[in-house]
Amino acid sequence: MIRVDQMEFVARNSNARVFRINSEMFWSTLQRDSE
């Protein structure tokens, strides 16, 4: 399991906008699947 601080580190050291969009899509997909 990736820790949140590691995800934040990656976001700061890559294209943060793309990372954030992808992570939001990922989490929203998980939430829909779990409902």
N, C-alpha and C. Protein backbone atom coordinates (compact mmCIF):
# COMPACT_ATOMS: atom_id res chain seq x y z
N MET A 1 0.85 -1.20 0.00
CA MET A 1 0.00 0.00 0.00
C MET A 1 0.88 1.25 0.00
N ILE A 2 0.61 2.14 -0.93
CA ILE A 2 1.39 3.38 -1.01
C ILE A 2 0.89 4.33 0.07
N ARG A 3 1.83 4.87 0.82
CA ARG A 3 1.45 5.84 1.85
C ARG A 3 1.17 7.19 1.21
N VAL A 4 0.31 7.97 1.88
CA VAL A 4 -0.09 9.26 1.33
C VAL A 4 1.11 10.19 1.19
N ASP A 5 2.04 10.15 2.14
CA ASP A 5 3.19 11.05 2.04
C ASP A 5 4.06 10.69 0.84
N GLN A 6 4.11 9.42 0.49
CA GLN A 6 4.85 9.02 -0.71
C GLN A 6 4.15 9.55 -1.96
N MET A 7 2.82 9.49 -1.95
CA MET A 7 2.06 10.01 -3.09
C MET A 7 2.27 11.51 -3.23
N GLU A 8 2.30 12.21 -2.11
CA GLU A 8 2.55 13.66 -2.15
C GLU A 8 3.95 13.95 -2.68
N PHE A 9 4.92 13.13 -2.29
CA PHE A 9 6.29 13.31 -2.76
C PHE A 9 6.34 13.15 -4.28
N VAL A 10 5.69 12.13 -4.79
CA VAL A 10 5.66 11.90 -6.23
C VAL A 10 4.98 13.07 -6.94
N ALA A 11 3.89 13.56 -6.35
CA ALA A 11 3.14 14.65 -6.96
C ALA A 11 4.00 15.90 -7.09
N ARG A 12 4.83 16.14 -6.08
CA ARG A 12 5.67 17.35 -6.11
C ARG A 12 6.82 17.19 -7.08
N ASN A 13 7.20 15.96 -7.39
CA ASN A 13 8.40 15.74 -8.19
C ASN A 13 8.09 15.22 -9.59
N SER A 14 6.85 15.39 -10.02
CA SER A 14 6.46 15.05 -11.38
C SER A 14 5.43 16.08 -11.83
N ASN A 15 4.66 15.76 -12.84
CA ASN A 15 3.62 16.70 -13.26
C ASN A 15 2.47 16.63 -12.26
N ALA A 16 2.47 17.55 -11.31
CA ALA A 16 1.52 17.48 -10.20
C ALA A 16 0.08 17.55 -10.69
N ARG A 17 -0.18 18.32 -11.70
CA ARG A 17 -1.56 18.45 -12.18
C ARG A 17 -2.06 17.12 -12.74
N VAL A 18 -1.26 16.49 -13.58
CA VAL A 18 -1.67 15.20 -14.16
C VAL A 18 -1.83 14.15 -13.07
N PHE A 19 -0.88 14.14 -12.13
CA PHE A 19 -0.96 13.18 -11.02
C PHE A 19 -2.24 13.37 -10.24
N ARG A 20 -2.57 14.62 -9.95
CA ARG A 20 -3.76 14.89 -9.14
C ARG A 20 -5.03 14.48 -9.88
N ILE A 21 -5.10 14.79 -11.17
CA ILE A 21 -6.28 14.40 -11.95
C ILE A 21 -6.42 12.88 -11.96
N ASN A 22 -5.30 12.18 -12.20
CA ASN A 22 -5.36 10.72 -12.26
C ASN A 22 -5.76 10.14 -10.92
N SER A 23 -5.22 10.67 -9.83
CA SER A 23 -5.55 10.14 -8.51
C SER A 23 -7.01 10.41 -8.17
N GLU A 24 -7.53 11.56 -8.56
CA GLU A 24 -8.94 11.85 -8.31
C GLU A 24 -9.84 10.90 -9.09
N MET A 25 -9.48 10.63 -10.35
CA MET A 25 -10.24 9.67 -11.15
C MET A 25 -10.19 8.29 -10.50
N PHE A 26 -9.00 7.91 -10.03
CA PHE A 26 -8.82 6.60 -9.40
C PHE A 26 -9.68 6.46 -8.16
N TRP A 27 -9.64 7.45 -7.29
CA TRP A 27 -10.41 7.36 -6.04
C TRP A 27 -11.90 7.44 -6.31
N SER A 28 -12.33 8.26 -7.24
CA SER A 28 -13.76 8.34 -7.52
C SER A 28 -14.27 7.03 -8.11
N THR A 29 -13.42 6.35 -8.89
CA THR A 29 -13.79 5.04 -9.44
C THR A 29 -13.92 4.02 -8.31
N LEU A 30 -12.99 4.04 -7.37
CA LEU A 30 -13.06 3.12 -6.23
C LEU A 30 -14.33 3.36 -5.43
N GLN A 31 -14.68 4.63 -5.22
CA GLN A 31 -15.87 4.94 -4.43
C GLN A 31 -17.13 4.46 -5.14
N ARG A 32 -17.20 4.62 -6.46
CA ARG A 32 -18.36 4.14 -7.20
C ARG A 32 -18.45 2.62 -7.12
N ASP A 33 -17.30 1.93 -7.24
CA ASP A 33 -17.31 0.47 -7.21
C ASP A 33 -17.73 -0.06 -5.85
N SER A 34 -17.43 0.69 -4.79
CA SER A 34 -17.71 0.20 -3.43
C SER A 34 -19.16 0.46 -3.02
N GLU A 35 -19.87 1.30 -3.77
CA GLU A 35 -21.25 1.61 -3.39
C GLU A 35 -22.20 0.48 -3.79
